[in-house]
Amino acid sequence: MKSILITGANRGLGLGFLKALLQHPNQPEHIFATYRDPAKSQELLSLEKQYKHLHTYKIDVTDFEAYQAFYEEVAKILDGIGLNLLYNNAGVGYFNNLRNTTSEDLNKTYKINFMAPILLTQTFYPLLKLAAEKNSTLQGIHRAAVINISSEEASIKDSYGGNYSYRCSKAALNAATKSMSIDFQSDKIIAISLHPGWVRTDMGGSCAPLSVQESSRKVLKTILSFSDKDNGRYLQYDGTDLNW
């Protein structure tokens, strides 16, 4: 894997995954990491000063009109090698029941969790296709892949009720991942929905069983093992399949 783009890499699971990647002995030549608020991204910006192959970008994933300029900056740095992995991590959660669900919550959650990954994948598709063409003998993320960070709460079969905006947006993202896995087959790009586990983050809370570090290490180990046979799967951080 020569290149990866991680959205929402300034905190929580995005930052944890980035750190795990930076500690790996075989790091990509180029790592692109996005953030929205500089005041909440100081650790990420500090890492950029330490690692010359880490490129950070300030972008709001809901600012769809900014995508093309972002794409052009990334393409310029990659200089013809393509993008091996698009890691759609940026997300938001409003854990509400039917009584307190609002249209504002639904709109914001869908825009960040569902619309942004689709439109960002659409924008970066040419670079993913280029990587697939240049690495045609390889498989999985070493050739070209889209990893959409989902949740076990997106499972319809194993649903617990409530959490309308978050659960429905992630279920919609799962459906988009499945469509991508079919649409990209001829280009040899794989697409996978991945649940990072219940993790002790601002969203996951202090009672979660997994630390950010543990989840991130296991996620990285799992995705590095992906091959073509994993295309279209919905699974958790350790590679175990989840029910759609």
C-alpha atoms as a PDB file:
ATOM      1  CA  MET A   1       0.000   0.000   0.000  1.00  0.00           C
ATOM      2  CA  LYS A   2       1.578   3.231  -1.168  1.00  0.00           C
ATOM      3  CA  SER A   3      -1.144   5.716  -0.290  1.00  0.00           C
ATOM      4  CA  ILE A   4      -4.115   6.163   2.032  1.00  0.00           C
ATOM      5  CA  LEU A   5      -6.622   8.924   2.768  1.00  0.00           C
ATOM      6  CA  ILE A   6      -8.247   8.989   6.224  1.00  0.00           C
ATOM      7  CA  THR A   7     -11.139  11.321   6.997  1.00  0.00           C
ATOM      8  CA  GLY A   8     -11.795  12.583  10.519  1.00  0.00           C
ATOM      9  CA  ALA A   9      -8.247  11.806  11.637  1.00  0.00           C
ATOM     10  CA  ASN A  10      -7.911  14.497  14.298  1.00  0.00           C
ATOM     11  CA  ARG A  11      -9.376  12.573  17.241  1.00  0.00           C
ATOM     12  CA  GLY A  12     -10.920   9.343  18.470  1.00  0.00           C
ATOM     13  CA  LEU A  13     -10.793   6.337  16.178  1.00  0.00           C
ATOM     14  CA  GLY A  14      -9.476   8.287  13.204  1.00  0.00           C
ATOM     15  CA  LEU A  15      -6.461   9.542  15.146  1.00  0.00           C
ATOM     16  CA  GLY A  16      -5.987   6.133  16.763  1.00  0.00           C
ATOM     17  CA  PHE A  17      -5.929   4.396  13.379  1.00  0.00           C
ATOM     18  CA  LEU A  18      -3.489   6.974  12.046  1.00  0.00           C
ATOM     19  CA  LYS A  19      -1.137   6.396  14.987  1.00  0.00           C
ATOM     20  CA  ALA A  20      -1.301   2.633  14.492  1.00  0.00           C
ATOM     21  CA  LEU A  21      -0.439   3.153  10.846  1.00  0.00           C
ATOM     22  CA  LEU A  22       2.498   5.418  11.693  1.00  0.00           C
ATOM     23  CA  GLN A  23       3.855   2.736  14.022  1.00  0.00           C
ATOM     24  CA  HIS A  24       3.652   0.000  11.401  1.00  0.00           C
ATOM     25  CA  PRO A  25       7.006  -1.129   9.922  1.00  0.00           C
ATOM     26  CA  ASN A  26       5.676  -0.906   6.346  1.00  0.00           C
ATOM     27  CA  GLN A  27       4.068   2.510   6.147  1.00  0.00           C
ATOM     28  CA  PRO A  28       2.505   3.982   3.007  1.00  0.00           C
ATOM     29  CA  GLU A  29       4.600   6.485   1.086  1.00  0.00           C
ATOM     30  CA  HIS A  30       1.790   9.028   1.421  1.00  0.00           C
ATOM     31  CA  ILE A  31      -0.773   9.377   4.216  1.00  0.00           C
ATOM     32  CA  PHE A  32      -3.483  12.006   3.812  1.00  0.00           C
ATOM     33  CA  ALA A  33      -5.484  12.924   6.939  1.00  0.00           C
ATOM     34  CA  THR A  34      -8.374  15.356   7.206  1.00  0.00           C
ATOM     35  CA  TYR A  35      -9.588  17.515  10.075  1.00  0.00           C
ATOM     36  CA  ARG A  36     -12.238  20.202  10.458  1.00  0.00           C
ATOM     37  CA  ASP A  37     -11.341  22.335  13.482  1.00  0.00           C
ATOM     38  CA  PRO A  38      -7.663  23.285  14.008  1.00  0.00           C
ATOM     39  CA  ALA A  39      -8.305  23.989  17.700  1.00  0.00           C
ATOM     40  CA  LYS A  40      -9.335  20.343  18.163  1.00  0.00           C
ATOM     41  CA  SER A  41      -6.590  18.928  15.945  1.00  0.00           C
ATOM     42  CA  GLN A  42      -3.347  19.941  17.630  1.00  0.00           C
ATOM     43  CA  GLU A  43      -2.101  16.374  18.112  1.00  0.00           C
ATOM     44  CA  LEU A  44      -2.668  15.590  14.444  1.00  0.00           C
ATOM     45  CA  LEU A  45      -0.935  18.788  13.331  1.00  0.00           C
ATOM     46  CA  SER A  46       1.975  17.968  15.625  1.00  0.00           C
ATOM     47  CA  LEU A  47       2.316  14.533  14.006  1.00  0.00           C
ATOM     48  CA  GLU A  48       2.494  16.171  10.592  1.00  0.00           C
ATOM     49  CA  LYS A  49       5.634  18.008  11.708  1.00  0.00           C
ATOM     50  CA  GLN A  50       7.231  14.693  12.705  1.00  0.00           C
ATOM     51  CA  TYR A  51       6.359  12.682   9.602  1.00  0.00           C
ATOM     52  CA  LYS A  52       7.153  14.124   6.188  1.00  0.00           C
ATOM     53  CA  HIS A  53       4.910  11.605   4.431  1.00  0.00           C
ATOM     54  CA  LEU A  54       1.869  12.719   6.460  1.00  0.00           C
ATOM     55  CA  HIS A  55      -0.203  15.405   4.750  1.00  0.00           C
ATOM     56  CA  THR A  56      -3.070  17.010   6.685  1.00  0.00           C
ATOM     57  CA  TYR A  57      -5.972  18.890   5.147  1.00  0.00           C
ATOM     58  CA  LYS A  58      -8.561  21.154   6.746  1.00  0.00           C
ATOM     59  CA  ILE A  59     -11.911  20.275   5.220  1.00  0.00           C
ATOM     60  CA  ASP A  60     -15.494  19.915   6.369  1.00  0.00           C
ATOM     61  CA  VAL A  61     -16.766  16.676   4.807  1.00  0.00           C
ATOM     62  CA  THR A  62     -20.204  18.276   4.428  1.00  0.00           C
ATOM     63  CA  ASP A  63     -18.722  20.980   2.190  1.00  0.00           C
ATOM     64  CA  PHE A  64     -19.204  18.942  -0.962  1.00  0.00           C
ATOM     65  CA  GLU A  65     -18.168  21.809  -3.233  1.00  0.00           C
ATOM     66  CA  ALA A  66     -14.665  21.714  -1.677  1.00  0.00           C
ATOM     67  CA  TYR A  67     -14.062  18.113  -2.729  1.00  0.00           C
ATOM     68  CA  GLN A  68     -12.695  18.792  -6.190  1.00  0.00           C
ATOM     69  CA  ALA A  69      -9.998  21.190  -4.976  1.00  0.00           C
ATOM     70  CA  PHE A  70      -9.065  18.660  -2.286  1.00  0.00           C
ATOM     71  CA  TYR A  71      -8.862  15.928  -4.920  1.00  0.00           C
ATOM     72  CA  GLU A  72      -6.564  18.011  -7.083  1.00  0.00           C
ATOM     73  CA  GLU A  73      -4.171  18.666  -4.188  1.00  0.00           C
ATOM     74  CA  VAL A  74      -3.975  14.960  -3.364  1.00  0.00           C
ATOM     75  CA  ALA A  75      -3.551  13.989  -7.025  1.00  0.00           C
ATOM     76  CA  LYS A  76      -0.698  16.462  -7.391  1.00  0.00           C
ATOM     77  CA  ILE A  77       1.222  14.934  -4.483  1.00  0.00           C
ATOM     78  CA  LEU A  78       0.561  11.366  -5.622  1.00  0.00           C
ATOM     79  CA  ASP A  79       1.872  12.308  -9.060  1.00  0.00           C
ATOM     80  CA  GLY A  80       0.456   9.403 -11.003  1.00  0.00           C
ATOM     81  CA  ILE A  81       0.661   6.554  -8.485  1.00  0.00           C
ATOM     82  CA  GLY A  82      -3.041   6.524  -7.546  1.00  0.00           C
ATOM     83  CA  LEU A  83      -4.799   6.118  -4.193  1.00  0.00           C
ATOM     84  CA  ASN A  84      -4.734   2.632  -2.687  1.00  0.00           C
ATOM     85  CA  LEU A  85      -7.134   3.159   0.205  1.00  0.00           C
ATOM     86  CA  LEU A  86      -9.926   5.591   0.947  1.00  0.00           C
ATOM     87  CA  TYR A  87     -10.769   5.215   4.642  1.00  0.00           C
ATOM     88  CA  ASN A  88     -14.123   6.929   5.226  1.00  0.00           C
ATOM     89  CA  ASN A  89     -13.952   7.372   8.989  1.00  0.00           C
ATOM     90  CA  ALA A  90     -15.497  10.800   9.703  1.00  0.00           C
ATOM     91  CA  GLY A  91     -18.816  10.402  11.456  1.00  0.00           C
ATOM     92  CA  VAL A  92     -21.220  11.748  14.038  1.00  0.00           C
ATOM     93  CA  GLY A  93     -23.731  10.128  16.385  1.00  0.00           C
ATOM     94  CA  TYR A  94     -26.961  11.348  17.942  1.00  0.00           C
ATOM     95  CA  PHE A  95     -28.303   8.576  20.138  1.00  0.00           C
ATOM     96  CA  ASN A  96     -31.974   9.466  20.277  1.00  0.00           C
ATOM     97  CA  ASN A  97     -35.293   7.691  20.608  1.00  0.00           C
ATOM     98  CA  LEU A  98     -38.413   8.343  18.553  1.00  0.00           C
ATOM     99  CA  ARG A  99     -39.691  10.997  20.951  1.00  0.00           C
ATOM    100  CA  ASN A 100     -36.634  13.253  20.781  1.00  0.00           C
ATOM    101  CA  THR A 101     -35.456  12.660  17.217  1.00  0.00           C
ATOM    102  CA  THR A 102     -35.369  15.926  15.251  1.00  0.00           C
ATOM    103  CA  SER A 103     -35.144  16.732  11.567  1.00  0.00           C
ATOM    104  CA  GLU A 104     -31.925  18.637  12.289  1.00  0.00           C
ATOM    105  CA  ASP A 105     -30.335  15.550  13.867  1.00  0.00           C
ATOM    106  CA  LEU A 106     -31.446  13.346  10.967  1.00  0.00           C
ATOM    107  CA  ASN A 107     -30.207  15.766   8.329  1.00  0.00           C
ATOM    108  CA  LYS A 108     -26.802  16.338   9.912  1.00  0.00           C
ATOM    109  CA  THR A 109     -26.209  12.660  10.636  1.00  0.00           C
ATOM    110  CA  TYR A 110     -27.156  11.537   7.144  1.00  0.00           C
ATOM    111  CA  LYS A 111     -25.068  14.261   5.563  1.00  0.00           C
ATOM    112  CA  ILE A 112     -21.907  13.265   7.469  1.00  0.00           C
ATOM    113  CA  ASN A 113     -22.350   9.498   7.865  1.00  0.00           C
ATOM    114  CA  PHE A 114     -23.981   8.623   4.548  1.00  0.00           C
ATOM    115  CA  MET A 115     -23.738  11.358   1.919  1.00  0.00           C
ATOM    116  CA  ALA A 116     -20.120  12.359   2.546  1.00  0.00           C
ATOM    117  CA  PRO A 117     -18.620   8.849   2.112  1.00  0.00           C
ATOM    118  CA  ILE A 118     -20.529   8.359  -1.150  1.00  0.00           C
ATOM    119  CA  LEU A 119     -19.611  11.714  -2.638  1.00  0.00           C
ATOM    120  CA  LEU A 120     -16.001  11.532  -1.462  1.00  0.00           C
ATOM    121  CA  THR A 121     -15.668   8.069  -3.005  1.00  0.00           C
ATOM    122  CA  GLN A 122     -17.193   9.435  -6.193  1.00  0.00           C
ATOM    123  CA  THR A 123     -14.652  12.259  -6.230  1.00  0.00           C
ATOM    124  CA  PHE A 124     -11.619  10.058  -5.571  1.00  0.00           C
ATOM    125  CA  TYR A 125     -12.721   7.205  -7.820  1.00  0.00           C
ATOM    126  CA  PRO A 126     -10.274   8.170 -10.625  1.00  0.00           C
ATOM    127  CA  LEU A 127      -7.315   7.880  -8.229  1.00  0.00           C
ATOM    128  CA  LEU A 128      -8.587   4.566  -6.875  1.00  0.00           C
ATOM    129  CA  LYS A 129      -8.991   3.235 -10.405  1.00  0.00           C
ATOM    130  CA  LEU A 130      -5.500   4.432 -11.306  1.00  0.00           C
ATOM    131  CA  ALA A 131      -4.035   2.592  -8.309  1.00  0.00           C
ATOM    132  CA  ALA A 132      -5.921  -0.577  -9.270  1.00  0.00           C
ATOM    133  CA  GLU A 133      -4.529  -0.398 -12.784  1.00  0.00           C
ATOM    134  CA  LYS A 134      -0.967   0.171 -11.636  1.00  0.00           C
ATOM    135  CA  ASN A 135      -1.124  -2.595  -9.002  1.00  0.00           C
ATOM    136  CA  SER A 136      -3.172  -5.137 -10.956  1.00  0.00           C
ATOM    137  CA  THR A 137      -1.229  -8.134  -9.609  1.00  0.00           C
ATOM    138  CA  LEU A 138      -1.989  -7.268  -5.964  1.00  0.00           C
ATOM    139  CA  GLN A 139      -5.180  -7.676  -3.925  1.00  0.00           C
ATOM    140  CA  GLY A 140      -7.206  -5.824  -1.318  1.00  0.00           C
ATOM    141  CA  ILE A 141      -5.975  -2.499   0.002  1.00  0.00           C
ATOM    142  CA  HIS A 142      -2.573  -3.136  -1.569  1.00  0.00           C
ATOM    143  CA  ARG A 143      -4.279  -2.622  -4.922  1.00  0.00           C
ATOM    144  CA  ALA A 144      -7.311  -0.358  -4.297  1.00  0.00           C
ATOM    145  CA  ALA A 145     -10.084  -0.312  -1.713  1.00  0.00           C
ATOM    146  CA  VAL A 146     -12.758   1.743   0.003  1.00  0.00           C
ATOM    147  CA  ILE A 147     -13.287   1.067   3.713  1.00  0.00           C
ATOM    148  CA  ASN A 148     -16.453   2.634   5.132  1.00  0.00           C
ATOM    149  CA  ILE A 149     -16.472   2.801   8.921  1.00  0.00           C
ATOM    150  CA  SER A 150     -19.866   1.489   9.961  1.00  0.00           C
ATOM    151  CA  SER A 151     -21.259   0.157  13.239  1.00  0.00           C
ATOM    152  CA  GLU A 152     -22.855  -2.997  14.560  1.00  0.00           C
ATOM    153  CA  GLU A 153     -25.861  -0.774  15.235  1.00  0.00           C
ATOM    154  CA  ALA A 154     -26.410  -0.647  11.482  1.00  0.00           C
ATOM    155  CA  SER A 155     -27.455  -4.294  11.588  1.00  0.00           C
ATOM    156  CA  ILE A 156     -31.171  -4.630  10.906  1.00  0.00           C
ATOM    157  CA  LYS A 157     -31.283  -8.266  12.027  1.00  0.00           C
ATOM    158  CA  ASP A 158     -29.583  -7.545  15.353  1.00  0.00           C
ATOM    159  CA  SER A 159     -31.185  -4.156  15.969  1.00  0.00           C
ATOM    160  CA  TYR A 160     -31.819  -2.984  19.543  1.00  0.00           C
ATOM    161  CA  GLY A 161     -34.274  -0.191  18.732  1.00  0.00           C
ATOM    162  CA  GLY A 162     -33.848   3.553  19.170  1.00  0.00           C
ATOM    163  CA  ASN A 163     -30.874   5.625  17.955  1.00  0.00           C
ATOM    164  CA  TYR A 164     -32.750   6.517  14.790  1.00  0.00           C
ATOM    165  CA  SER A 165     -30.428   9.020  13.150  1.00  0.00           C
ATOM    166  CA  TYR A 166     -27.195   7.119  13.837  1.00  0.00           C
ATOM    167  CA  ARG A 167     -28.474   3.600  13.170  1.00  0.00           C
ATOM    168  CA  CYS A 168     -30.320   4.508   9.972  1.00  0.00           C
ATOM    169  CA  SER A 169     -27.438   6.551   8.560  1.00  0.00           C
ATOM    170  CA  LYS A 170     -25.006   3.672   9.108  1.00  0.00           C
ATOM    171  CA  ALA A 171     -27.467   1.149   7.647  1.00  0.00           C
ATOM    172  CA  ALA A 172     -27.712   3.392   4.587  1.00  0.00           C
ATOM    173  CA  LEU A 173     -23.907   3.492   4.446  1.00  0.00           C
ATOM    174  CA  ASN A 174     -23.864  -0.316   4.488  1.00  0.00           C
ATOM    175  CA  ALA A 175     -26.212  -0.343   1.507  1.00  0.00           C
ATOM    176  CA  ALA A 176     -23.913   2.096  -0.291  1.00  0.00           C
ATOM    177  CA  THR A 177     -20.910  -0.113   0.473  1.00  0.00           C
ATOM    178  CA  LYS A 178     -22.685  -3.112  -1.015  1.00  0.00           C
ATOM    179  CA  SER A 179     -23.451  -1.131  -4.167  1.00  0.00           C
ATOM    180  CA  MET A 180     -19.831   0.010  -4.415  1.00  0.00           C
ATOM    181  CA  SER A 181     -18.600  -3.573  -4.065  1.00  0.00           C
ATOM    182  CA  ILE A 182     -20.686  -4.525  -7.101  1.00  0.00           C
ATOM    183  CA  ASP A 183     -20.117  -1.392  -9.190  1.00  0.00           C
ATOM    184  CA  PHE A 184     -16.318  -1.457  -8.722  1.00  0.00           C
ATOM    185  CA  GLN A 185     -15.796  -5.153  -9.483  1.00  0.00           C
ATOM    186  CA  SER A 186     -14.741  -4.560 -13.075  1.00  0.00           C
ATOM    187  CA  ASP A 187     -12.178  -2.022 -11.842  1.00  0.00           C
ATOM    188  CA  LYS A 188     -10.851  -4.487  -9.236  1.00  0.00           C
ATOM    189  CA  ILE A 189     -11.554  -2.067  -6.383  1.00  0.00           C
ATOM    190  CA  ILE A 190     -12.978  -3.661  -3.234  1.00  0.00           C
ATOM    191  CA  ALA A 191     -15.427  -2.036  -0.805  1.00  0.00           C
ATOM    192  CA  ILE A 192     -16.041  -3.131   2.779  1.00  0.00           C
ATOM    193  CA  SER A 193     -18.105  -1.926   5.760  1.00  0.00           C
ATOM    194  CA  LEU A 194     -16.130  -2.178   8.992  1.00  0.00           C
ATOM    195  CA  HIS A 195     -17.280  -1.902  12.600  1.00  0.00           C
ATOM    196  CA  PRO A 196     -14.339  -0.817  14.809  1.00  0.00           C
ATOM    197  CA  GLY A 197     -15.946  -2.202  17.959  1.00  0.00           C
ATOM    198  CA  TRP A 198     -17.459  -0.493  20.975  1.00  0.00           C
ATOM    199  CA  VAL A 199     -14.616   1.833  21.869  1.00  0.00           C
ATOM    200  CA  ARG A 200     -13.926   4.284  24.691  1.00  0.00           C
ATOM    201  CA  THR A 201     -14.275   7.525  22.751  1.00  0.00           C
ATOM    202  CA  ASP A 202     -16.453  10.619  23.150  1.00  0.00           C
ATOM    203  CA  MET A 203     -19.125   8.766  21.213  1.00  0.00           C
ATOM    204  CA  GLY A 204     -18.590   5.306  22.721  1.00  0.00           C
ATOM    205  CA  GLY A 205     -18.438   6.443  26.337  1.00  0.00           C
ATOM    206  CA  SER A 206     -16.314   5.331  29.276  1.00  0.00           C
ATOM    207  CA  CYS A 207     -18.029   1.947  29.683  1.00  0.00           C
ATOM    208  CA  ALA A 208     -16.930   0.607  26.306  1.00  0.00           C
ATOM    209  CA  PRO A 209     -14.732  -2.523  26.522  1.00  0.00           C
ATOM    210  CA  LEU A 210     -12.135  -1.500  23.917  1.00  0.00           C
ATOM    211  CA  SER A 211      -9.512   1.232  24.087  1.00  0.00           C
ATOM    212  CA  VAL A 212      -8.812   3.313  21.003  1.00  0.00           C
ATOM    213  CA  GLN A 213      -5.341   1.769  20.767  1.00  0.00           C
ATOM    214  CA  GLU A 214      -6.597  -1.827  20.937  1.00  0.00           C
ATOM    215  CA  SER A 215      -9.332  -1.247  18.388  1.00  0.00           C
ATOM    216  CA  SER A 216      -6.986   0.593  16.021  1.00  0.00           C
ATOM    217  CA  ARG A 217      -4.320  -2.107  16.125  1.00  0.00           C
ATOM    218  CA  LYS A 218      -6.856  -4.825  15.422  1.00  0.00           C
ATOM    219  CA  VAL A 219      -8.530  -2.843  12.648  1.00  0.00           C
ATOM    220  CA  LEU A 220      -5.189  -2.279  10.933  1.00  0.00           C
ATOM    221  CA  LYS A 221      -4.258  -5.957  11.228  1.00  0.00           C
ATOM    222  CA  THR A 222      -7.619  -6.965   9.785  1.00  0.00           C
ATOM    223  CA  ILE A 223      -7.644  -4.632   6.798  1.00  0.00           C
ATOM    224  CA  LEU A 224      -4.054  -5.494   5.894  1.00  0.00           C
ATOM    225  CA  SER A 225      -5.258  -9.070   5.405  1.00  0.00           C
ATOM    226  CA  PHE A 226      -8.093  -8.169   3.020  1.00  0.00           C
ATOM    227  CA  SER A 227      -8.143  -9.836  -0.387  1.00  0.00           C
ATOM    228  CA  ASP A 228     -10.624  -9.905  -3.240  1.00  0.00           C
ATOM    229  CA  LYS A 229     -12.766 -12.475  -1.418  1.00  0.00           C
ATOM    230  CA  ASP A 230     -13.555  -9.871   1.244  1.00  0.00           C
ATOM    231  CA  ASN A 231     -15.237  -7.540  -1.220  1.00  0.00           C
ATOM    232  CA  GLY A 232     -18.721  -6.518  -0.088  1.00  0.00           C
ATOM    233  CA  ARG A 233     -18.418  -7.830   3.467  1.00  0.00           C
ATOM    234  CA  TYR A 234     -19.802  -6.240   6.618  1.00  0.00           C
ATOM    235  CA  LEU A 235     -17.590  -7.176   9.528  1.00  0.00           C
ATOM    236  CA  GLN A 236     -16.096  -6.049  12.792  1.00  0.00           C
ATOM    237  CA  TYR A 237     -12.556  -5.101  13.781  1.00  0.00           C
ATOM    238  CA  ASP A 238     -11.360  -8.691  14.188  1.00  0.00           C
ATOM    239  CA  GLY A 239     -12.661  -9.885  10.821  1.00  0.00           C
ATOM    240  CA  THR A 240     -15.831 -11.521  12.163  1.00  0.00           C
ATOM    241  CA  ASP A 241     -18.856 -11.170   9.877  1.00  0.00           C
ATOM    242  CA  LEU A 242     -21.826  -9.130  11.106  1.00  0.00           C
ATOM    243  CA  ASN A 243     -25.480  -9.634  10.171  1.00  0.00           C
ATOM    244  CA  TRP A 244     -26.799  -7.138   7.656  1.00  0.00           C
END
